[in-house]
């Protein structure tokens, strides 16, 4: 089983907060119950099944870039820009 580091979900949480007070509620509406629980409780050090993270990222991307065919790609770029700060900023994004 492929896994993904839980720290990526922290970007989703932060991003939804920046989108406004109702963004997290709209995301929760799109998620399955177990994925909503994952968003609430997953620590950054956990390894999470890729399938679960994929569902969260797709839902968050659709909310972040509505109507955009490349929403997931744009969401990934936003996460890269968020994550590649400090000394990592020299890498292209």
N, C-alpha and C. Protein backbone atom coordinates (compact mmCIF):
# COMPACT_ATOMS: atom_id res chain seq x y z
N UNK A 1 0.84 -1.18 0.00
CA UNK A 1 0.00 0.00 0.00
C UNK A 1 0.89 1.24 0.00
N UNK A 2 0.57 2.16 -0.88
CA UNK A 2 1.32 3.42 -0.94
C UNK A 2 0.78 4.38 0.12
N UNK A 3 1.70 5.14 0.71
CA UNK A 3 1.30 6.08 1.75
C UNK A 3 1.85 7.48 1.48
N UNK A 4 1.26 8.44 2.16
CA UNK A 4 1.62 9.86 1.99
C UNK A 4 1.80 10.45 3.38
N UNK A 5 2.79 11.29 3.54
CA UNK A 5 3.06 11.90 4.84
C UNK A 5 1.91 12.83 5.23
N UNK A 6 1.46 12.72 6.46
CA UNK A 6 0.33 13.49 6.96
C UNK A 6 0.53 14.99 6.96
N UNK A 7 1.77 15.44 6.88
CA UNK A 7 2.03 16.89 6.91
C UNK A 7 1.36 17.60 5.73
N UNK A 8 1.12 16.91 4.64
CA UNK A 8 0.45 17.52 3.50
C UNK A 8 -0.97 17.96 3.81
N UNK A 9 -1.60 17.30 4.76
CA UNK A 9 -2.96 17.69 5.13
C UNK A 9 -2.98 19.02 5.87
N UNK A 10 -1.86 19.38 6.47
CA UNK A 10 -1.80 20.67 7.16
C UNK A 10 -1.92 21.82 6.17
N UNK A 11 -1.38 21.63 4.97
CA UNK A 11 -1.57 22.65 3.94
C UNK A 11 -3.05 22.80 3.61
N UNK A 12 -3.75 21.69 3.48
CA UNK A 12 -5.18 21.74 3.17
C UNK A 12 -5.91 22.52 4.26
N UNK A 13 -5.62 22.21 5.50
CA UNK A 13 -6.26 22.92 6.62
C UNK A 13 -5.98 24.42 6.56
N UNK A 14 -4.72 24.78 6.39
CA UNK A 14 -4.35 26.20 6.31
C UNK A 14 -4.99 26.89 5.11
N UNK A 15 -4.97 26.22 4.00
CA UNK A 15 -5.52 26.78 2.77
C UNK A 15 -7.02 27.05 2.92
N UNK A 16 -7.73 26.11 3.50
CA UNK A 16 -9.17 26.28 3.70
C UNK A 16 -9.44 27.45 4.65
N UNK A 17 -8.64 27.59 5.68
CA UNK A 17 -8.81 28.72 6.61
C UNK A 17 -8.62 30.05 5.90
N UNK A 18 -7.65 30.11 5.01
CA UNK A 18 -7.39 31.35 4.27
C UNK A 18 -8.49 31.66 3.26
N UNK A 19 -9.20 30.64 2.82
CA UNK A 19 -10.28 30.85 1.86
C UNK A 19 -11.52 31.45 2.51
N UNK A 20 -11.61 31.40 3.82
CA UNK A 20 -12.76 31.99 4.50
C UNK A 20 -13.39 31.04 5.50
N UNK A 21 -14.26 31.57 6.34
CA UNK A 21 -14.81 30.79 7.44
C UNK A 21 -15.69 29.61 7.01
N UNK A 22 -16.31 29.69 5.84
CA UNK A 22 -17.18 28.59 5.44
C UNK A 22 -16.49 27.56 4.54
N UNK A 23 -15.26 27.81 4.15
CA UNK A 23 -14.56 26.91 3.23
C UNK A 23 -14.37 25.53 3.84
N UNK A 24 -14.00 25.46 5.10
CA UNK A 24 -13.79 24.16 5.75
C UNK A 24 -15.10 23.38 5.82
N UNK A 25 -16.20 24.07 6.09
CA UNK A 25 -17.50 23.39 6.13
C UNK A 25 -17.88 22.87 4.75
N UNK A 26 -17.59 23.65 3.71
CA UNK A 26 -17.88 23.20 2.34
C UNK A 26 -17.02 22.00 1.98
N UNK A 27 -15.77 22.00 2.45
CA UNK A 27 -14.90 20.84 2.21
C UNK A 27 -15.46 19.62 2.93
N UNK A 28 -15.84 19.78 4.17
CA UNK A 28 -16.40 18.66 4.93
C UNK A 28 -17.61 18.05 4.25
N UNK A 29 -18.43 18.88 3.62
CA UNK A 29 -19.61 18.38 2.90
C UNK A 29 -19.22 17.46 1.75
N UNK A 30 -18.07 17.69 1.17
CA UNK A 30 -17.63 16.90 0.00
C UNK A 30 -16.88 15.63 0.40
N UNK A 31 -16.47 15.53 1.65
CA UNK A 31 -15.66 14.40 2.08
C UNK A 31 -16.50 13.28 2.67
N UNK A 32 -15.99 12.07 2.54
CA UNK A 32 -16.59 10.92 3.21
C UNK A 32 -16.34 11.07 4.71
N UNK A 33 -17.19 10.47 5.55
CA UNK A 33 -17.03 10.61 7.00
C UNK A 33 -15.63 10.28 7.51
N UNK A 34 -15.03 9.21 6.99
CA UNK A 34 -13.69 8.84 7.46
C UNK A 34 -12.63 9.86 7.03
N UNK A 35 -12.86 10.52 5.89
CA UNK A 35 -11.92 11.55 5.45
C UNK A 35 -12.08 12.84 6.25
N UNK A 36 -13.31 13.14 6.66
CA UNK A 36 -13.52 14.29 7.55
C UNK A 36 -12.78 14.07 8.87
N UNK A 37 -12.88 12.85 9.38
CA UNK A 37 -12.19 12.52 10.63
C UNK A 37 -10.67 12.61 10.44
N UNK A 38 -10.19 12.16 9.31
CA UNK A 38 -8.77 12.25 8.99
C UNK A 38 -8.31 13.70 9.02
N UNK A 39 -9.08 14.58 8.42
CA UNK A 39 -8.72 16.00 8.40
C UNK A 39 -8.68 16.60 9.80
N UNK A 40 -9.52 16.11 10.68
CA UNK A 40 -9.56 16.64 12.05
C UNK A 40 -8.44 16.10 12.93
N UNK A 41 -8.02 14.86 12.69
CA UNK A 41 -7.18 14.20 13.69
C UNK A 41 -5.79 13.78 13.23
N UNK A 42 -5.52 13.74 11.94
CA UNK A 42 -4.24 13.20 11.46
C UNK A 42 -3.07 14.08 11.86
N UNK A 43 -2.10 13.53 12.59
CA UNK A 43 -0.90 14.30 12.90
C UNK A 43 0.06 14.31 11.71
N UNK A 44 0.93 15.27 11.69
CA UNK A 44 1.87 15.44 10.58
C UNK A 44 2.80 14.25 10.42
N UNK A 45 3.03 13.50 11.47
CA UNK A 45 4.00 12.41 11.40
C UNK A 45 3.40 11.09 10.92
N UNK A 46 2.08 11.04 10.75
CA UNK A 46 1.44 9.81 10.28
C UNK A 46 1.68 9.58 8.80
N UNK A 47 1.62 8.33 8.41
CA UNK A 47 1.63 7.95 7.01
C UNK A 47 0.22 7.49 6.68
N UNK A 48 -0.37 8.07 5.64
CA UNK A 48 -1.78 7.87 5.32
C UNK A 48 -1.89 7.26 3.94
N UNK A 49 -2.87 6.37 3.76
CA UNK A 49 -3.09 5.74 2.46
C UNK A 49 -3.29 6.81 1.38
N UNK A 50 -2.60 6.64 0.27
CA UNK A 50 -2.65 7.60 -0.83
C UNK A 50 -4.09 7.81 -1.31
N UNK A 51 -4.89 6.77 -1.32
CA UNK A 51 -6.26 6.89 -1.80
C UNK A 51 -7.06 7.88 -0.95
N UNK A 52 -6.83 7.89 0.34
CA UNK A 52 -7.56 8.81 1.22
C UNK A 52 -7.09 10.25 0.99
N UNK A 53 -5.80 10.44 0.88
CA UNK A 53 -5.26 11.79 0.65
C UNK A 53 -5.72 12.29 -0.71
N UNK A 54 -5.76 11.42 -1.69
CA UNK A 54 -6.23 11.79 -3.03
C UNK A 54 -7.64 12.35 -2.98
N UNK A 55 -8.53 11.70 -2.23
CA UNK A 55 -9.91 12.18 -2.12
C UNK A 55 -9.96 13.57 -1.48
N UNK A 56 -9.15 13.79 -0.45
CA UNK A 56 -9.12 15.09 0.22
C UNK A 56 -8.58 16.16 -0.72
N UNK A 57 -7.47 15.87 -1.39
CA UNK A 57 -6.86 16.85 -2.29
C UNK A 57 -7.79 17.20 -3.46
N UNK A 58 -8.46 16.20 -4.02
CA UNK A 58 -9.37 16.47 -5.13
C UNK A 58 -10.53 17.36 -4.69
N UNK A 59 -11.08 17.10 -3.52
CA UNK A 59 -12.18 17.92 -3.01
C UNK A 59 -11.71 19.34 -2.73
N UNK A 60 -10.54 19.47 -2.11
CA UNK A 60 -10.01 20.80 -1.80
C UNK A 60 -9.66 21.56 -3.08
N UNK A 61 -9.13 20.86 -4.06
CA UNK A 61 -8.78 21.50 -5.33
C UNK A 61 -10.02 22.02 -6.05
N UNK A 62 -11.08 21.23 -6.05
CA UNK A 62 -12.32 21.64 -6.70
C UNK A 62 -12.91 22.89 -6.04
N UNK A 63 -12.79 22.98 -4.72
CA UNK A 63 -13.27 24.18 -4.01
C UNK A 63 -12.36 25.38 -4.26
N UNK A 64 -11.08 25.13 -4.35
CA UNK A 64 -10.11 26.22 -4.51
C UNK A 64 -10.11 26.81 -5.91
N UNK A 65 -10.35 25.97 -6.90
CA UNK A 65 -10.30 26.40 -8.30
C UNK A 65 -11.55 25.90 -9.03
N UNK A 66 -12.73 26.41 -8.65
CA UNK A 66 -13.98 25.91 -9.25
C UNK A 66 -14.02 26.15 -10.76
N UNK A 67 -14.47 25.12 -11.46
CA UNK A 67 -14.59 25.22 -12.91
C UNK A 67 -13.30 25.09 -13.68
N UNK A 68 -12.21 24.94 -12.99
CA UNK A 68 -10.89 24.83 -13.64
C UNK A 68 -10.60 23.36 -13.93
N UNK A 69 -10.30 23.05 -15.18
CA UNK A 69 -10.01 21.68 -15.57
C UNK A 69 -8.74 21.13 -14.92
N UNK A 70 -7.80 22.00 -14.62
CA UNK A 70 -6.54 21.58 -14.02
C UNK A 70 -6.48 21.95 -12.54
N UNK A 71 -7.63 21.84 -11.86
CA UNK A 71 -7.71 22.26 -10.46
C UNK A 71 -6.70 21.52 -9.57
N UNK A 72 -6.58 20.22 -9.76
CA UNK A 72 -5.66 19.46 -8.92
C UNK A 72 -4.21 19.89 -9.15
N UNK A 73 -3.87 20.14 -10.38
CA UNK A 73 -2.51 20.61 -10.70
C UNK A 73 -2.25 21.98 -10.07
N UNK A 74 -3.22 22.89 -10.17
CA UNK A 74 -3.07 24.21 -9.56
C UNK A 74 -2.98 24.12 -8.04
N UNK A 75 -3.75 23.21 -7.47
CA UNK A 75 -3.69 23.01 -6.02
C UNK A 75 -2.31 22.50 -5.61
N UNK A 76 -1.76 21.59 -6.41
CA UNK A 76 -0.42 21.07 -6.14
C UNK A 76 0.64 22.16 -6.22
N UNK A 77 0.50 23.06 -7.19
CA UNK A 77 1.44 24.19 -7.30
C UNK A 77 1.35 25.08 -6.07
N UNK A 78 0.12 25.33 -5.62
CA UNK A 78 -0.07 26.16 -4.42
C UNK A 78 0.58 25.50 -3.21
N UNK A 79 0.47 24.18 -3.12
CA UNK A 79 1.11 23.48 -2.01
C UNK A 79 2.63 23.56 -2.12
N UNK A 80 3.17 23.43 -3.32
CA UNK A 80 4.62 23.56 -3.51
C UNK A 80 5.10 24.93 -3.06
N UNK A 81 4.40 25.96 -3.49
CA UNK A 81 4.81 27.32 -3.10
C UNK A 81 4.74 27.50 -1.59
N UNK A 82 3.75 26.89 -0.98
CA UNK A 82 3.60 26.96 0.47
C UNK A 82 4.73 26.21 1.17
N UNK A 83 5.03 25.01 0.68
CA UNK A 83 6.00 24.13 1.35
C UNK A 83 7.45 24.51 1.08
N UNK A 84 7.71 25.06 -0.09
CA UNK A 84 9.09 25.36 -0.45
C UNK A 84 9.44 26.80 -0.05
N UNK A 85 9.62 26.98 1.23
CA UNK A 85 9.97 28.29 1.76
C UNK A 85 11.35 28.21 2.39
N UNK A 86 11.84 29.34 2.84
CA UNK A 86 13.15 29.35 3.50
C UNK A 86 14.25 28.94 2.54
N UNK A 87 15.12 28.05 2.99
CA UNK A 87 16.25 27.64 2.15
C UNK A 87 15.82 26.91 0.90
N UNK A 88 14.61 26.33 0.91
CA UNK A 88 14.13 25.60 -0.25
C UNK A 88 13.63 26.52 -1.36
N UNK A 89 13.52 27.80 -1.08
CA UNK A 89 12.99 28.75 -2.03
C UNK A 89 13.85 28.85 -3.30
N UNK A 90 15.07 28.40 -3.27
CA UNK A 90 15.93 28.46 -4.45
C UNK A 90 15.51 27.47 -5.52
N UNK A 91 14.66 26.49 -5.17
CA UNK A 91 14.20 25.51 -6.13
C UNK A 91 13.09 26.11 -6.96
N UNK A 92 12.99 25.76 -8.23
CA UNK A 92 11.92 26.31 -9.07
C UNK A 92 10.57 25.75 -8.68
N UNK A 93 9.53 26.58 -8.75
CA UNK A 93 8.16 26.11 -8.46
C UNK A 93 7.25 26.46 -9.60
